[in-house]
């Protein structure tokens, strides 16, 4: 009985909105029962929001420019099903040079996914974000050049392997968010 009600509710409410509703209810409960914790929550939220706001603005500007200058045919050509080695190279280097918090990139990746970019390329992009060019000198100082080179090569190789495995599991252009 409860499962049927839950399924009916999910039919009418997107899970993202449901999560927001739960967070709002929890916030109200915290405000009522522990105002000091609520004040700390607001401070933490505003601090995080200020940190990601500039990166979010950059990402949305990039999305806007991509939508203006690059048509869907080019995205499909370079990042679509038939993209080939060029798509993998673009995903690797874009992941390496991308900066800022990962969650700021999610809107752009969703936009690319909606424009039929391969799921494996998005996975490869995300995986290669772990390679941080600004931190390489510090890495070399502590561990040396050989470890940096081997680790970077392994991360790039395994990013592509993970992309292929993900595509084998869910398909090249599967819209993941509809599966949940």
C-alpha atoms as a PDB file:
ATOM      1  CA  UNK A   1       0.000   0.000   0.000  1.00  0.00           C
ATOM      2  CA  UNK A   2       2.738   2.460   0.989  1.00  0.00           C
ATOM      3  CA  UNK A   3       4.786   1.503  -2.061  1.00  0.00           C
ATOM      4  CA  UNK A   4       1.812   2.237  -4.356  1.00  0.00           C
ATOM      5  CA  UNK A   5       1.358   5.662  -2.752  1.00  0.00           C
ATOM      6  CA  UNK A   6       5.092   6.346  -3.048  1.00  0.00           C
ATOM      7  CA  UNK A   7       5.060   5.381  -6.748  1.00  0.00           C
ATOM      8  CA  UNK A   8       2.036   7.608  -7.388  1.00  0.00           C
ATOM      9  CA  UNK A   9       3.781  10.525  -5.704  1.00  0.00           C
ATOM     10  CA  UNK A  10       6.898   9.955  -7.814  1.00  0.00           C
ATOM     11  CA  UNK A  11       4.776   9.961 -10.966  1.00  0.00           C
ATOM     12  CA  UNK A  12       3.648  13.501 -10.198  1.00  0.00           C
ATOM     13  CA  UNK A  13       6.817  14.900  -8.612  1.00  0.00           C
ATOM     14  CA  UNK A  14      10.254  14.926 -10.166  1.00  0.00           C
ATOM     15  CA  UNK A  15      12.765  13.399  -7.723  1.00  0.00           C
ATOM     16  CA  UNK A  16      14.871  16.588  -7.813  1.00  0.00           C
ATOM     17  CA  UNK A  17      11.924  18.602  -6.544  1.00  0.00           C
ATOM     18  CA  UNK A  18      11.196  15.916  -3.973  1.00  0.00           C
ATOM     19  CA  UNK A  19      14.770  16.156  -2.679  1.00  0.00           C
ATOM     20  CA  UNK A  20      14.452  19.952  -2.462  1.00  0.00           C
ATOM     21  CA  UNK A  21      11.199  19.563  -0.530  1.00  0.00           C
ATOM     22  CA  UNK A  22      12.825  17.160   1.953  1.00  0.00           C
ATOM     23  CA  UNK A  23      15.763  19.552   2.452  1.00  0.00           C
ATOM     24  CA  UNK A  24      13.376  22.471   3.043  1.00  0.00           C
ATOM     25  CA  UNK A  25      11.338  20.481   5.570  1.00  0.00           C
ATOM     26  CA  UNK A  26      14.527  19.381   7.346  1.00  0.00           C
ATOM     27  CA  UNK A  27      15.754  22.993   7.399  1.00  0.00           C
ATOM     28  CA  UNK A  28      12.494  24.200   8.925  1.00  0.00           C
ATOM     29  CA  UNK A  29      12.695  21.450  11.543  1.00  0.00           C
ATOM     30  CA  UNK A  30      16.283  22.428  12.394  1.00  0.00           C
ATOM     31  CA  UNK A  31      15.237  26.088  12.630  1.00  0.00           C
ATOM     32  CA  UNK A  32      12.448  25.213  15.055  1.00  0.00           C
ATOM     33  CA  UNK A  33      14.358  22.787  17.272  1.00  0.00           C
ATOM     34  CA  UNK A  34      17.921  24.152  17.105  1.00  0.00           C
ATOM     35  CA  UNK A  35      18.263  27.743  15.837  1.00  0.00           C
ATOM     36  CA  UNK A  36      22.055  27.765  16.407  1.00  0.00           C
ATOM     37  CA  UNK A  37      22.514  24.807  14.046  1.00  0.00           C
ATOM     38  CA  UNK A  38      20.276  26.558  11.530  1.00  0.00           C
ATOM     39  CA  UNK A  39      22.450  29.688  11.704  1.00  0.00           C
ATOM     40  CA  UNK A  40      25.537  27.525  11.094  1.00  0.00           C
ATOM     41  CA  UNK A  41      23.718  25.831   8.197  1.00  0.00           C
ATOM     42  CA  UNK A  42      22.939  29.220   6.607  1.00  0.00           C
ATOM     43  CA  UNK A  43      26.535  30.375   7.082  1.00  0.00           C
ATOM     44  CA  UNK A  44      27.900  27.173   5.500  1.00  0.00           C
ATOM     45  CA  UNK A  45      25.426  27.338   2.616  1.00  0.00           C
ATOM     46  CA  UNK A  46      26.215  30.989   1.853  1.00  0.00           C
ATOM     47  CA  UNK A  47      29.965  30.292   2.029  1.00  0.00           C
ATOM     48  CA  UNK A  48      29.737  27.391  -0.418  1.00  0.00           C
ATOM     49  CA  UNK A  49      27.379  29.337  -2.673  1.00  0.00           C
ATOM     50  CA  UNK A  50      29.812  32.273  -2.851  1.00  0.00           C
ATOM     51  CA  UNK A  51      32.670  29.918  -3.699  1.00  0.00           C
ATOM     52  CA  UNK A  52      30.894  28.242  -6.602  1.00  0.00           C
ATOM     53  CA  UNK A  53      29.038  31.278  -7.937  1.00  0.00           C
ATOM     54  CA  UNK A  54      31.966  32.522 -10.039  1.00  0.00           C
ATOM     55  CA  UNK A  55      32.631  29.067 -11.464  1.00  0.00           C
ATOM     56  CA  UNK A  56      28.923  28.574 -12.193  1.00  0.00           C
ATOM     57  CA  UNK A  57      28.847  31.888 -14.032  1.00  0.00           C
ATOM     58  CA  UNK A  58      31.842  30.831 -16.146  1.00  0.00           C
ATOM     59  CA  UNK A  59      30.230  27.475 -16.917  1.00  0.00           C
ATOM     60  CA  UNK A  60      26.927  29.094 -17.907  1.00  0.00           C
ATOM     61  CA  UNK A  61      28.788  31.578 -20.111  1.00  0.00           C
ATOM     62  CA  UNK A  62      30.610  28.652 -21.760  1.00  0.00           C
ATOM     63  CA  UNK A  63      27.261  26.885 -22.279  1.00  0.00           C
ATOM     64  CA  UNK A  64      25.814  30.087 -23.780  1.00  0.00           C
ATOM     65  CA  UNK A  65      28.780  30.487 -26.151  1.00  0.00           C
ATOM     66  CA  UNK A  66      28.611  26.814 -27.141  1.00  0.00           C
ATOM     67  CA  UNK A  67      24.901  27.179 -27.890  1.00  0.00           C
ATOM     68  CA  UNK A  68      25.560  30.284 -29.996  1.00  0.00           C
ATOM     69  CA  UNK A  69      28.617  29.169 -31.920  1.00  0.00           C
ATOM     70  CA  UNK A  70      28.418  25.392 -32.094  1.00  0.00           C
ATOM     71  CA  UNK A  71      25.456  23.690 -33.647  1.00  0.00           C
ATOM     72  CA  UNK A  72      24.250  20.216 -32.695  1.00  0.00           C
ATOM     73  CA  UNK A  73      25.764  18.701 -35.843  1.00  0.00           C
ATOM     74  CA  UNK A  74      29.286  19.687 -34.776  1.00  0.00           C
ATOM     75  CA  UNK A  75      28.756  18.382 -31.245  1.00  0.00           C
ATOM     76  CA  UNK A  76      27.455  15.108 -32.637  1.00  0.00           C
ATOM     77  CA  UNK A  77      30.410  14.988 -35.060  1.00  0.00           C
ATOM     78  CA  UNK A  78      33.059  15.476 -32.349  1.00  0.00           C
ATOM     79  CA  UNK A  79      31.348  13.999 -29.281  1.00  0.00           C
ATOM     80  CA  UNK A  80      28.576  11.816 -30.689  1.00  0.00           C
ATOM     81  CA  UNK A  81      28.279   8.125 -31.449  1.00  0.00           C
ATOM     82  CA  UNK A  82      30.619   8.188 -34.414  1.00  0.00           C
ATOM     83  CA  UNK A  83      33.151  10.608 -32.889  1.00  0.00           C
ATOM     84  CA  UNK A  84      36.054   8.150 -32.856  1.00  0.00           C
ATOM     85  CA  UNK A  85      39.489   8.970 -31.464  1.00  0.00           C
ATOM     86  CA  UNK A  86      38.947  12.736 -31.760  1.00  0.00           C
ATOM     87  CA  UNK A  87      36.107  12.578 -29.226  1.00  0.00           C
ATOM     88  CA  UNK A  88      38.256  10.674 -26.741  1.00  0.00           C
ATOM     89  CA  UNK A  89      41.114  13.153 -27.140  1.00  0.00           C
ATOM     90  CA  UNK A  90      38.763  16.115 -26.648  1.00  0.00           C
ATOM     91  CA  UNK A  91      37.278  14.501 -23.530  1.00  0.00           C
ATOM     92  CA  UNK A  92      40.727  13.751 -22.071  1.00  0.00           C
ATOM     93  CA  UNK A  93      42.165  17.229 -22.599  1.00  0.00           C
ATOM     94  CA  UNK A  94      38.962  19.039 -21.618  1.00  0.00           C
ATOM     95  CA  UNK A  95      38.910  17.073 -18.373  1.00  0.00           C
ATOM     96  CA  UNK A  96      42.556  17.859 -17.644  1.00  0.00           C
ATOM     97  CA  UNK A  97      42.270  21.615 -18.257  1.00  0.00           C
ATOM     98  CA  UNK A  98      38.887  22.077 -16.543  1.00  0.00           C
ATOM     99  CA  UNK A  99      39.032  23.845 -13.190  1.00  0.00           C
ATOM    100  CA  UNK A 100      36.733  24.581 -10.285  1.00  0.00           C
ATOM    101  CA  UNK A 101      34.394  22.308  -8.374  1.00  0.00           C
ATOM    102  CA  UNK A 102      33.022  19.367 -10.309  1.00  0.00           C
ATOM    103  CA  UNK A 103      29.396  20.087  -9.499  1.00  0.00           C
ATOM    104  CA  UNK A 104      29.710  23.381 -11.341  1.00  0.00           C
ATOM    105  CA  UNK A 105      30.360  21.420 -14.551  1.00  0.00           C
ATOM    106  CA  UNK A 106      27.274  19.224 -14.250  1.00  0.00           C
ATOM    107  CA  UNK A 107      24.942  21.662 -16.095  1.00  0.00           C
ATOM    108  CA  UNK A 108      27.298  21.784 -19.094  1.00  0.00           C
ATOM    109  CA  UNK A 109      27.698  18.002 -19.111  1.00  0.00           C
ATOM    110  CA  UNK A 110      23.921  17.604 -18.959  1.00  0.00           C
ATOM    111  CA  UNK A 111      23.606  19.998 -21.887  1.00  0.00           C
ATOM    112  CA  UNK A 112      26.148  17.963 -23.853  1.00  0.00           C
ATOM    113  CA  UNK A 113      24.329  14.756 -22.954  1.00  0.00           C
ATOM    114  CA  UNK A 114      21.057  16.263 -24.181  1.00  0.00           C
ATOM    115  CA  UNK A 115      22.840  17.112 -27.445  1.00  0.00           C
ATOM    116  CA  UNK A 116      23.700  13.407 -27.839  1.00  0.00           C
ATOM    117  CA  UNK A 117      27.299  13.401 -26.596  1.00  0.00           C
ATOM    118  CA  UNK A 118      28.542   9.893 -25.843  1.00  0.00           C
ATOM    119  CA  UNK A 119      28.185   8.785 -22.247  1.00  0.00           C
ATOM    120  CA  UNK A 120      31.699   7.312 -22.283  1.00  0.00           C
ATOM    121  CA  UNK A 121      33.173  10.665 -23.281  1.00  0.00           C
ATOM    122  CA  UNK A 122      31.419  12.375 -20.394  1.00  0.00           C
ATOM    123  CA  UNK A 123      32.778   9.671 -18.072  1.00  0.00           C
ATOM    124  CA  UNK A 124      36.275  10.193 -19.479  1.00  0.00           C
ATOM    125  CA  UNK A 125      35.992  13.946 -18.967  1.00  0.00           C
ATOM    126  CA  UNK A 126      34.991  13.455 -15.335  1.00  0.00           C
ATOM    127  CA  UNK A 127      37.760  10.923 -14.706  1.00  0.00           C
ATOM    128  CA  UNK A 128      40.457  13.203 -16.130  1.00  0.00           C
ATOM    129  CA  UNK A 129      39.466  16.052 -13.862  1.00  0.00           C
ATOM    130  CA  UNK A 130      41.623  14.278 -11.261  1.00  0.00           C
ATOM    131  CA  UNK A 131      44.730  15.310 -13.210  1.00  0.00           C
ATOM    132  CA  UNK A 132      45.507  18.766 -11.857  1.00  0.00           C
ATOM    133  CA  UNK A 133      48.125  20.687 -13.831  1.00  0.00           C
ATOM    134  CA  UNK A 134      48.636  23.392 -11.144  1.00  0.00           C
ATOM    135  CA  UNK A 135      49.426  20.698  -8.550  1.00  0.00           C
ATOM    136  CA  UNK A 136      51.985  18.832 -10.696  1.00  0.00           C
ATOM    137  CA  UNK A 137      55.031  20.773  -9.415  1.00  0.00           C
ATOM    138  CA  UNK A 138      54.069  19.932  -5.839  1.00  0.00           C
ATOM    139  CA  UNK A 139      53.555  16.294  -6.853  1.00  0.00           C
ATOM    140  CA  UNK A 140      56.997  16.210  -8.466  1.00  0.00           C
ATOM    141  CA  UNK A 141      58.543  17.740  -5.340  1.00  0.00           C
ATOM    142  CA  UNK A 142      57.127  15.000  -3.100  1.00  0.00           C
ATOM    143  CA  UNK A 143      57.157  11.960  -5.394  1.00  0.00           C
ATOM    144  CA  UNK A 144      59.345  12.719  -8.421  1.00  0.00           C
ATOM    145  CA  UNK A 145      58.905  12.834 -12.199  1.00  0.00           C
ATOM    146  CA  UNK A 146      58.696   9.077 -12.848  1.00  0.00           C
ATOM    147  CA  UNK A 147      55.704   8.604 -10.550  1.00  0.00           C
ATOM    148  CA  UNK A 148      53.962  11.681 -11.992  1.00  0.00           C
ATOM    149  CA  UNK A 149      54.410  10.458 -15.572  1.00  0.00           C
ATOM    150  CA  UNK A 150      53.336   6.877 -14.847  1.00  0.00           C
ATOM    151  CA  UNK A 151      50.354   7.975 -12.759  1.00  0.00           C
ATOM    152  CA  UNK A 152      49.181  10.512 -15.365  1.00  0.00           C
ATOM    153  CA  UNK A 153      49.442   7.972 -18.185  1.00  0.00           C
ATOM    154  CA  UNK A 154      47.577   5.360 -16.126  1.00  0.00           C
ATOM    155  CA  UNK A 155      44.814   7.824 -15.260  1.00  0.00           C
ATOM    156  CA  UNK A 156      44.359   8.745 -18.918  1.00  0.00           C
ATOM    157  CA  UNK A 157      44.345   5.102 -20.041  1.00  0.00           C
ATOM    158  CA  UNK A 158      41.923   4.032 -17.330  1.00  0.00           C
ATOM    159  CA  UNK A 159      39.659   7.008 -18.047  1.00  0.00           C
ATOM    160  CA  UNK A 160      39.180   5.698 -21.572  1.00  0.00           C
ATOM    161  CA  UNK A 161      38.715   2.128 -20.311  1.00  0.00           C
ATOM    162  CA  UNK A 162      36.090   3.359 -17.827  1.00  0.00           C
ATOM    163  CA  UNK A 163      34.342   5.246 -20.629  1.00  0.00           C
ATOM    164  CA  UNK A 164      34.218   2.101 -22.783  1.00  0.00           C
ATOM    165  CA  UNK A 165      32.995  -0.033 -19.869  1.00  0.00           C
ATOM    166  CA  UNK A 166      30.277   2.492 -19.039  1.00  0.00           C
ATOM    167  CA  UNK A 167      29.146   2.470 -22.654  1.00  0.00           C
ATOM    168  CA  UNK A 168      29.053  -1.334 -22.642  1.00  0.00           C
ATOM    169  CA  UNK A 169      26.920  -1.310 -19.516  1.00  0.00           C
ATOM    170  CA  UNK A 170      24.430   1.447 -20.331  1.00  0.00           C
ATOM    171  CA  UNK A 171      24.950   2.272 -23.999  1.00  0.00           C
ATOM    172  CA  UNK A 172      26.595   5.125 -25.878  1.00  0.00           C
ATOM    173  CA  UNK A 173      23.777   7.652 -25.768  1.00  0.00           C
ATOM    174  CA  UNK A 174      21.670   6.422 -22.902  1.00  0.00           C
ATOM    175  CA  UNK A 175      20.088   9.218 -20.898  1.00  0.00           C
ATOM    176  CA  UNK A 176      21.152   8.046 -17.431  1.00  0.00           C
ATOM    177  CA  UNK A 177      18.877  10.355 -15.480  1.00  0.00           C
ATOM    178  CA  UNK A 178      15.768   8.661 -16.855  1.00  0.00           C
ATOM    179  CA  UNK A 179      16.907   5.323 -15.444  1.00  0.00           C
ATOM    180  CA  UNK A 180      16.512   6.516 -11.864  1.00  0.00           C
END
